[in-house]
N, C-alpha and C. Protein backbone atom coordinates (compact mmCIF):
# COMPACT_ATOMS: atom_id res chain seq x y z
N MET A 1 7.63 47.29 61.71
CA MET A 1 8.09 46.09 61.05
C MET A 1 7.08 44.96 61.33
N SER A 2 6.71 44.24 60.29
CA SER A 2 5.78 43.13 60.47
C SER A 2 6.48 41.97 61.18
N VAL A 3 5.69 41.09 61.75
CA VAL A 3 6.27 39.90 62.40
C VAL A 3 6.97 39.04 61.36
N ALA A 4 6.41 38.94 60.17
CA ALA A 4 7.04 38.16 59.10
C ALA A 4 8.42 38.74 58.77
N ASP A 5 8.53 40.06 58.72
CA ASP A 5 9.82 40.70 58.45
C ASP A 5 10.81 40.43 59.58
N ARG A 6 10.32 40.48 60.83
CA ARG A 6 11.18 40.21 61.97
C ARG A 6 11.68 38.77 61.94
N LEU A 7 10.79 37.84 61.60
CA LEU A 7 11.20 36.43 61.50
C LEU A 7 12.28 36.26 60.43
N THR A 8 12.10 36.92 59.30
CA THR A 8 13.10 36.86 58.22
C THR A 8 14.42 37.44 58.70
N GLU A 9 14.36 38.58 59.37
CA GLU A 9 15.56 39.22 59.89
C GLU A 9 16.30 38.31 60.88
N LEU A 10 15.54 37.56 61.66
CA LEU A 10 16.13 36.64 62.65
C LEU A 10 16.56 35.31 62.04
N GLY A 11 16.20 35.10 60.76
CA GLY A 11 16.55 33.84 60.11
C GLY A 11 15.70 32.67 60.60
N ILE A 12 14.47 32.97 61.01
CA ILE A 12 13.58 31.95 61.57
C ILE A 12 12.46 31.65 60.58
N THR A 13 12.23 30.37 60.35
CA THR A 13 11.12 29.92 59.53
C THR A 13 10.11 29.25 60.44
N VAL A 14 8.86 29.68 60.35
CA VAL A 14 7.81 29.05 61.15
C VAL A 14 7.54 27.68 60.55
N PRO A 15 7.61 26.63 61.36
CA PRO A 15 7.41 25.28 60.83
C PRO A 15 5.94 24.99 60.57
N GLU A 16 5.68 23.85 59.95
CA GLU A 16 4.31 23.36 59.83
C GLU A 16 3.82 23.05 61.24
N VAL A 17 2.53 23.13 61.44
CA VAL A 17 1.97 22.82 62.76
C VAL A 17 2.21 21.35 63.06
N ALA A 18 2.72 21.08 64.26
CA ALA A 18 2.95 19.70 64.67
C ALA A 18 1.62 18.98 64.78
N ALA A 19 1.58 17.77 64.26
CA ALA A 19 0.36 16.97 64.32
C ALA A 19 0.08 16.56 65.76
N PRO A 20 -1.17 16.68 66.20
CA PRO A 20 -1.50 16.26 67.56
C PRO A 20 -1.19 14.78 67.77
N VAL A 21 -0.76 14.45 69.00
CA VAL A 21 -0.43 13.06 69.32
C VAL A 21 -1.58 12.38 70.07
N ALA A 22 -2.69 13.09 70.23
CA ALA A 22 -3.87 12.53 70.89
C ALA A 22 -5.10 13.28 70.38
N SER A 23 -6.18 13.27 71.14
CA SER A 23 -7.45 13.85 70.72
C SER A 23 -7.57 15.31 71.17
N TYR A 24 -6.99 16.22 70.38
CA TYR A 24 -7.05 17.65 70.66
C TYR A 24 -6.66 18.40 69.40
N VAL A 25 -6.78 19.72 69.43
CA VAL A 25 -6.33 20.57 68.32
C VAL A 25 -5.16 21.41 68.82
N PRO A 26 -4.28 21.85 67.92
CA PRO A 26 -3.10 22.61 68.34
C PRO A 26 -3.40 23.96 68.99
N ALA A 27 -4.51 24.61 68.58
CA ALA A 27 -4.84 25.92 69.15
C ALA A 27 -6.31 26.22 68.91
N VAL A 28 -6.88 27.02 69.82
CA VAL A 28 -8.26 27.49 69.66
C VAL A 28 -8.32 28.98 69.97
N ILE A 29 -9.27 29.64 69.30
CA ILE A 29 -9.55 31.05 69.58
C ILE A 29 -10.78 31.11 70.47
N SER A 30 -10.71 31.92 71.52
CA SER A 30 -11.86 32.20 72.37
C SER A 30 -11.85 33.70 72.63
N GLY A 31 -12.83 34.38 72.06
CA GLY A 31 -12.86 35.84 72.18
C GLY A 31 -11.65 36.44 71.50
N HIS A 32 -10.85 37.20 72.26
CA HIS A 32 -9.66 37.85 71.71
C HIS A 32 -8.38 37.14 72.14
N HIS A 33 -8.50 35.85 72.46
CA HIS A 33 -7.33 35.10 72.90
C HIS A 33 -7.19 33.80 72.13
N VAL A 34 -5.96 33.42 71.93
CA VAL A 34 -5.64 32.10 71.38
C VAL A 34 -4.97 31.31 72.49
N PHE A 35 -5.44 30.10 72.69
CA PHE A 35 -4.86 29.19 73.67
C PHE A 35 -4.24 28.04 72.88
N THR A 36 -2.96 27.81 73.06
CA THR A 36 -2.35 26.67 72.38
C THR A 36 -2.38 25.46 73.29
N SER A 37 -2.41 24.31 72.68
CA SER A 37 -2.18 23.08 73.42
C SER A 37 -0.70 23.05 73.76
N GLY A 38 -0.33 22.19 74.67
CA GLY A 38 1.08 22.03 74.99
C GLY A 38 1.83 21.60 73.75
N GLN A 39 2.90 22.30 73.44
CA GLN A 39 3.69 22.02 72.25
C GLN A 39 4.99 21.32 72.65
N LEU A 40 5.24 20.19 72.06
CA LEU A 40 6.50 19.47 72.27
C LEU A 40 7.53 20.00 71.28
N PRO A 41 8.80 19.71 71.49
CA PRO A 41 9.85 20.25 70.61
C PRO A 41 10.05 19.43 69.33
N PHE A 42 8.96 19.13 68.64
CA PHE A 42 9.05 18.39 67.39
C PHE A 42 9.81 19.18 66.34
N VAL A 43 10.65 18.50 65.59
CA VAL A 43 11.30 19.04 64.40
C VAL A 43 11.06 18.02 63.30
N ASP A 44 10.35 18.43 62.26
CA ASP A 44 10.01 17.53 61.16
C ASP A 44 9.35 16.25 61.66
N GLY A 45 8.44 16.40 62.63
CA GLY A 45 7.65 15.27 63.10
C GLY A 45 8.32 14.34 64.10
N ALA A 46 9.53 14.68 64.53
CA ALA A 46 10.25 13.81 65.46
C ALA A 46 10.81 14.63 66.62
N LEU A 47 11.00 13.96 67.76
CA LEU A 47 11.64 14.60 68.90
C LEU A 47 13.14 14.36 68.80
N PRO A 48 13.94 15.42 68.64
CA PRO A 48 15.38 15.24 68.51
C PRO A 48 16.06 14.83 69.81
N VAL A 49 15.40 15.09 70.94
CA VAL A 49 15.97 14.80 72.26
C VAL A 49 14.86 14.23 73.14
N THR A 50 15.18 13.22 73.92
CA THR A 50 14.25 12.70 74.91
C THR A 50 14.98 12.51 76.23
N GLY A 51 14.22 12.43 77.31
CA GLY A 51 14.81 12.16 78.61
C GLY A 51 14.54 13.26 79.61
N LYS A 52 15.12 13.09 80.79
CA LYS A 52 14.92 14.02 81.90
C LYS A 52 16.04 15.07 81.94
N VAL A 53 15.64 16.31 82.18
CA VAL A 53 16.60 17.40 82.30
C VAL A 53 17.30 17.26 83.66
N GLY A 54 18.60 17.40 83.64
CA GLY A 54 19.40 17.20 84.83
C GLY A 54 19.83 15.75 84.98
N GLY A 55 19.31 14.90 84.11
CA GLY A 55 19.71 13.50 84.05
C GLY A 55 20.42 13.27 82.74
N THR A 56 19.69 12.72 81.75
CA THR A 56 20.29 12.45 80.44
C THR A 56 20.29 13.66 79.52
N VAL A 57 19.55 14.72 79.88
CA VAL A 57 19.46 15.92 79.04
C VAL A 57 20.06 17.10 79.80
N ASP A 58 21.04 17.74 79.19
CA ASP A 58 21.69 18.92 79.74
C ASP A 58 20.74 20.11 79.71
N ALA A 59 20.83 20.99 80.70
CA ALA A 59 19.95 22.16 80.79
C ALA A 59 20.04 23.05 79.56
N ALA A 60 21.23 23.22 79.00
CA ALA A 60 21.38 24.07 77.81
C ALA A 60 20.67 23.44 76.60
N VAL A 61 20.75 22.14 76.49
CA VAL A 61 20.05 21.43 75.41
C VAL A 61 18.54 21.59 75.60
N ALA A 62 18.09 21.45 76.84
CA ALA A 62 16.66 21.60 77.14
C ALA A 62 16.19 23.01 76.84
N GLN A 63 17.03 24.01 77.10
CA GLN A 63 16.65 25.39 76.80
C GLN A 63 16.42 25.55 75.29
N ALA A 64 17.26 24.94 74.47
CA ALA A 64 17.07 24.98 73.02
C ALA A 64 15.79 24.24 72.62
N GLN A 65 15.46 23.18 73.34
CA GLN A 65 14.22 22.45 73.06
C GLN A 65 13.01 23.30 73.44
N ALA A 66 13.11 24.08 74.50
CA ALA A 66 12.02 24.99 74.89
C ALA A 66 11.82 26.05 73.80
N ARG A 67 12.91 26.50 73.22
CA ARG A 67 12.81 27.46 72.11
C ARG A 67 12.04 26.84 70.96
N GLN A 68 12.32 25.58 70.65
CA GLN A 68 11.60 24.89 69.57
C GLN A 68 10.12 24.74 69.92
N CYS A 69 9.83 24.45 71.17
CA CYS A 69 8.43 24.38 71.61
C CYS A 69 7.72 25.70 71.33
N ALA A 70 8.37 26.82 71.67
CA ALA A 70 7.77 28.13 71.44
C ALA A 70 7.57 28.39 69.95
N LEU A 71 8.52 27.98 69.14
CA LEU A 71 8.37 28.13 67.70
C LEU A 71 7.18 27.31 67.20
N ASN A 72 7.02 26.11 67.74
CA ASN A 72 5.86 25.29 67.37
C ASN A 72 4.56 25.93 67.86
N ALA A 73 4.61 26.60 69.01
CA ALA A 73 3.42 27.31 69.49
C ALA A 73 3.07 28.49 68.57
N ILE A 74 4.09 29.19 68.09
CA ILE A 74 3.86 30.26 67.12
C ILE A 74 3.18 29.70 65.88
N ALA A 75 3.62 28.55 65.42
CA ALA A 75 2.99 27.91 64.25
C ALA A 75 1.53 27.59 64.54
N ALA A 76 1.24 27.11 65.75
CA ALA A 76 -0.14 26.78 66.12
C ALA A 76 -1.00 28.04 66.13
N VAL A 77 -0.47 29.14 66.66
CA VAL A 77 -1.20 30.41 66.66
C VAL A 77 -1.45 30.85 65.22
N GLN A 78 -0.43 30.84 64.41
CA GLN A 78 -0.56 31.27 63.01
C GLN A 78 -1.62 30.44 62.28
N SER A 79 -1.72 29.17 62.61
CA SER A 79 -2.67 28.29 61.92
C SER A 79 -4.12 28.69 62.16
N VAL A 80 -4.41 29.37 63.28
CA VAL A 80 -5.79 29.76 63.55
C VAL A 80 -6.06 31.25 63.32
N VAL A 81 -5.01 32.08 63.30
CA VAL A 81 -5.24 33.53 63.10
C VAL A 81 -4.82 34.03 61.73
N GLY A 82 -4.09 33.22 60.97
CA GLY A 82 -3.60 33.67 59.67
C GLY A 82 -2.31 34.44 59.83
N SER A 83 -2.40 35.75 59.96
CA SER A 83 -1.22 36.60 60.08
C SER A 83 -0.79 36.76 61.53
N LEU A 84 0.48 36.59 61.79
CA LEU A 84 1.01 36.82 63.13
C LEU A 84 0.99 38.29 63.51
N ASP A 85 0.73 39.17 62.56
CA ASP A 85 0.58 40.60 62.87
C ASP A 85 -0.69 40.86 63.69
N ARG A 86 -1.56 39.86 63.81
CA ARG A 86 -2.75 39.99 64.67
C ARG A 86 -2.42 39.79 66.14
N VAL A 87 -1.21 39.35 66.45
CA VAL A 87 -0.82 39.14 67.84
C VAL A 87 -0.63 40.50 68.51
N ALA A 88 -1.47 40.79 69.50
CA ALA A 88 -1.35 42.04 70.26
C ALA A 88 -0.32 41.89 71.37
N ARG A 89 -0.30 40.69 72.00
CA ARG A 89 0.71 40.41 73.02
C ARG A 89 0.66 38.94 73.39
N ILE A 90 1.80 38.47 73.84
CA ILE A 90 1.88 37.16 74.46
C ILE A 90 1.49 37.39 75.92
N VAL A 91 0.42 36.76 76.37
CA VAL A 91 -0.10 37.00 77.71
C VAL A 91 0.58 36.09 78.73
N LYS A 92 0.65 34.79 78.43
CA LYS A 92 1.13 33.83 79.42
C LYS A 92 1.85 32.69 78.72
N VAL A 93 2.94 32.26 79.33
CA VAL A 93 3.69 31.08 78.90
C VAL A 93 3.73 30.12 80.07
N THR A 94 3.42 28.87 79.80
CA THR A 94 3.59 27.83 80.81
C THR A 94 4.54 26.79 80.23
N GLY A 95 5.63 26.56 80.96
CA GLY A 95 6.62 25.58 80.52
C GLY A 95 6.69 24.44 81.51
N PHE A 96 6.67 23.24 80.97
CA PHE A 96 6.80 22.03 81.78
C PHE A 96 8.13 21.38 81.44
N VAL A 97 8.90 21.07 82.46
CA VAL A 97 10.24 20.50 82.27
C VAL A 97 10.27 19.13 82.94
N ALA A 98 10.47 18.08 82.14
CA ALA A 98 10.63 16.74 82.69
C ALA A 98 11.97 16.72 83.41
N SER A 99 11.92 16.62 84.73
CA SER A 99 13.11 16.89 85.53
C SER A 99 13.57 15.69 86.34
N ASP A 100 14.88 15.51 86.37
CA ASP A 100 15.50 14.62 87.33
C ASP A 100 15.11 15.15 88.71
N PRO A 101 14.89 14.28 89.70
CA PRO A 101 14.45 14.76 91.02
C PRO A 101 15.32 15.85 91.64
N SER A 102 16.59 15.88 91.33
CA SER A 102 17.47 16.90 91.92
C SER A 102 17.56 18.18 91.10
N PHE A 103 16.94 18.23 89.93
CA PHE A 103 17.06 19.40 89.05
C PHE A 103 16.10 20.50 89.49
N THR A 104 16.61 21.72 89.65
CA THR A 104 15.79 22.86 90.06
C THR A 104 15.93 24.07 89.13
N GLY A 105 16.47 23.86 87.94
CA GLY A 105 16.71 24.96 87.02
C GLY A 105 15.63 25.14 85.97
N GLN A 106 14.39 24.82 86.30
CA GLN A 106 13.30 24.93 85.32
C GLN A 106 13.16 26.34 84.74
N PRO A 107 13.27 27.41 85.54
CA PRO A 107 13.14 28.75 84.94
C PRO A 107 14.17 29.02 83.84
N GLY A 108 15.39 28.56 84.02
CA GLY A 108 16.42 28.77 83.00
C GLY A 108 16.11 28.01 81.72
N VAL A 109 15.55 26.83 81.86
CA VAL A 109 15.16 26.04 80.68
C VAL A 109 14.07 26.77 79.91
N VAL A 110 13.04 27.22 80.61
CA VAL A 110 11.89 27.86 79.95
C VAL A 110 12.27 29.22 79.38
N ASN A 111 13.40 29.79 79.81
CA ASN A 111 13.90 31.01 79.19
C ASN A 111 14.08 30.84 77.69
N GLY A 112 14.36 29.63 77.24
CA GLY A 112 14.50 29.39 75.80
C GLY A 112 13.24 29.80 75.05
N ALA A 113 12.08 29.50 75.62
CA ALA A 113 10.81 29.89 75.01
C ALA A 113 10.58 31.39 75.15
N SER A 114 10.78 31.90 76.36
CA SER A 114 10.52 33.32 76.62
C SER A 114 11.38 34.23 75.75
N GLU A 115 12.65 33.89 75.64
CA GLU A 115 13.56 34.72 74.84
C GLU A 115 13.17 34.72 73.37
N LEU A 116 12.77 33.58 72.83
CA LEU A 116 12.34 33.54 71.43
C LEU A 116 11.11 34.43 71.23
N LEU A 117 10.14 34.33 72.12
CA LEU A 117 8.93 35.14 71.98
C LEU A 117 9.25 36.62 72.06
N GLY A 118 10.19 37.00 72.90
CA GLY A 118 10.62 38.40 72.96
C GLY A 118 11.30 38.85 71.69
N GLN A 119 12.15 37.98 71.11
CA GLN A 119 12.82 38.32 69.87
C GLN A 119 11.82 38.51 68.73
N VAL A 120 10.84 37.63 68.66
CA VAL A 120 9.89 37.65 67.55
C VAL A 120 8.87 38.78 67.69
N PHE A 121 8.34 38.99 68.91
CA PHE A 121 7.24 39.93 69.09
C PHE A 121 7.63 41.22 69.78
N GLY A 122 8.91 41.40 70.13
CA GLY A 122 9.35 42.63 70.77
C GLY A 122 8.64 42.85 72.09
N ASP A 123 8.22 44.09 72.34
CA ASP A 123 7.54 44.42 73.60
C ASP A 123 6.27 43.59 73.79
N ALA A 124 5.60 43.23 72.71
CA ALA A 124 4.39 42.41 72.80
C ALA A 124 4.70 40.98 73.22
N GLY A 125 5.97 40.61 73.22
CA GLY A 125 6.37 39.28 73.63
C GLY A 125 6.67 39.14 75.11
N VAL A 126 6.61 40.25 75.85
CA VAL A 126 6.84 40.22 77.30
C VAL A 126 5.58 39.63 77.95
N HIS A 127 5.75 38.63 78.82
CA HIS A 127 4.60 37.86 79.29
C HIS A 127 4.76 37.41 80.74
N ALA A 128 3.63 36.99 81.31
CA ALA A 128 3.65 36.28 82.59
C ALA A 128 4.05 34.83 82.28
N ARG A 129 4.56 34.12 83.32
CA ARG A 129 5.08 32.79 83.02
C ARG A 129 5.09 31.89 84.24
N SER A 130 4.95 30.60 83.99
CA SER A 130 5.18 29.57 84.99
C SER A 130 6.16 28.57 84.40
N ALA A 131 7.07 28.08 85.23
CA ALA A 131 8.03 27.04 84.82
C ALA A 131 7.92 25.92 85.85
N VAL A 132 7.42 24.79 85.41
CA VAL A 132 7.05 23.72 86.32
C VAL A 132 7.87 22.46 86.04
N GLY A 133 8.44 21.89 87.08
CA GLY A 133 9.13 20.61 86.96
C GLY A 133 8.13 19.49 87.11
N VAL A 134 8.19 18.51 86.20
CA VAL A 134 7.29 17.36 86.23
C VAL A 134 8.09 16.07 86.12
N ALA A 135 7.46 14.97 86.51
CA ALA A 135 8.13 13.66 86.48
C ALA A 135 8.32 13.14 85.07
N ALA A 136 7.36 13.39 84.19
CA ALA A 136 7.44 12.87 82.81
C ALA A 136 6.53 13.69 81.92
N LEU A 137 6.87 13.70 80.63
CA LEU A 137 6.05 14.36 79.61
C LEU A 137 5.75 13.36 78.50
N PRO A 138 4.74 13.66 77.66
CA PRO A 138 4.41 12.74 76.58
C PRO A 138 5.63 12.41 75.70
N LEU A 139 5.71 11.17 75.30
CA LEU A 139 6.76 10.67 74.40
C LEU A 139 8.16 10.84 74.98
N ASP A 140 8.27 11.03 76.28
CA ASP A 140 9.55 11.25 76.97
C ASP A 140 10.23 12.54 76.54
N ALA A 141 9.42 13.52 76.10
CA ALA A 141 9.97 14.83 75.74
C ALA A 141 10.55 15.49 76.98
N PRO A 142 11.62 16.26 76.83
CA PRO A 142 12.19 16.94 77.99
C PRO A 142 11.44 18.22 78.38
N VAL A 143 10.72 18.82 77.43
CA VAL A 143 10.07 20.11 77.65
C VAL A 143 8.76 20.16 76.87
N GLU A 144 7.78 20.88 77.44
CA GLU A 144 6.52 21.17 76.76
C GLU A 144 6.15 22.60 77.11
N VAL A 145 5.65 23.35 76.12
CA VAL A 145 5.30 24.76 76.33
C VAL A 145 3.93 25.04 75.74
N GLU A 146 3.13 25.78 76.51
CA GLU A 146 1.86 26.28 75.99
C GLU A 146 1.83 27.79 76.18
N ILE A 147 1.11 28.48 75.28
CA ILE A 147 1.03 29.93 75.39
C ILE A 147 -0.41 30.41 75.25
N VAL A 148 -0.66 31.59 75.82
CA VAL A 148 -1.92 32.30 75.65
C VAL A 148 -1.57 33.62 74.99
N VAL A 149 -2.27 33.93 73.91
CA VAL A 149 -1.97 35.10 73.09
C VAL A 149 -3.21 35.96 72.94
N GLU A 150 -3.06 37.26 73.14
CA GLU A 150 -4.15 38.20 72.84
C GLU A 150 -4.02 38.61 71.38
N ILE A 151 -5.16 38.62 70.68
CA ILE A 151 -5.13 38.98 69.27
C ILE A 151 -6.04 40.19 68.99
N THR A 152 -5.78 40.85 67.87
CA THR A 152 -6.61 41.95 67.41
C THR A 152 -7.59 41.41 66.38
N ASP A 153 -8.62 42.23 66.10
CA ASP A 153 -9.60 41.83 65.07
C ASP A 153 -9.03 41.90 63.68
């Protein structure tokens, strides 16, 4: 089954690539890998949620925002490789969670991204990962996700 077919089966539409908010590009290819820039949970050019997780943002809401970040990362990958069928595997996911000082559930939040990648890419979506709590993220986003993807020729 193609990735496009799997996305259709899951009822997922890959969004337009989020416009960069500074001086960078959404993704670059180097050899057989695509490196995405950190993706914020933009939906139609806006952040639906802002704030710190464990403070004004509930962990379950943040997990859904991490899922959106991963979807935006998929869009960034698609923008440089064309077909998502070129994805051989998701190699690494790094998730940053803007956290209230007492919040320690960053891995659960970043599961939103990891689970989406597994649903979309199957076994090729299984990856190494880091989930990092940070004091703040750009535009007061609660979550940011970047991915490294191995691609085929």
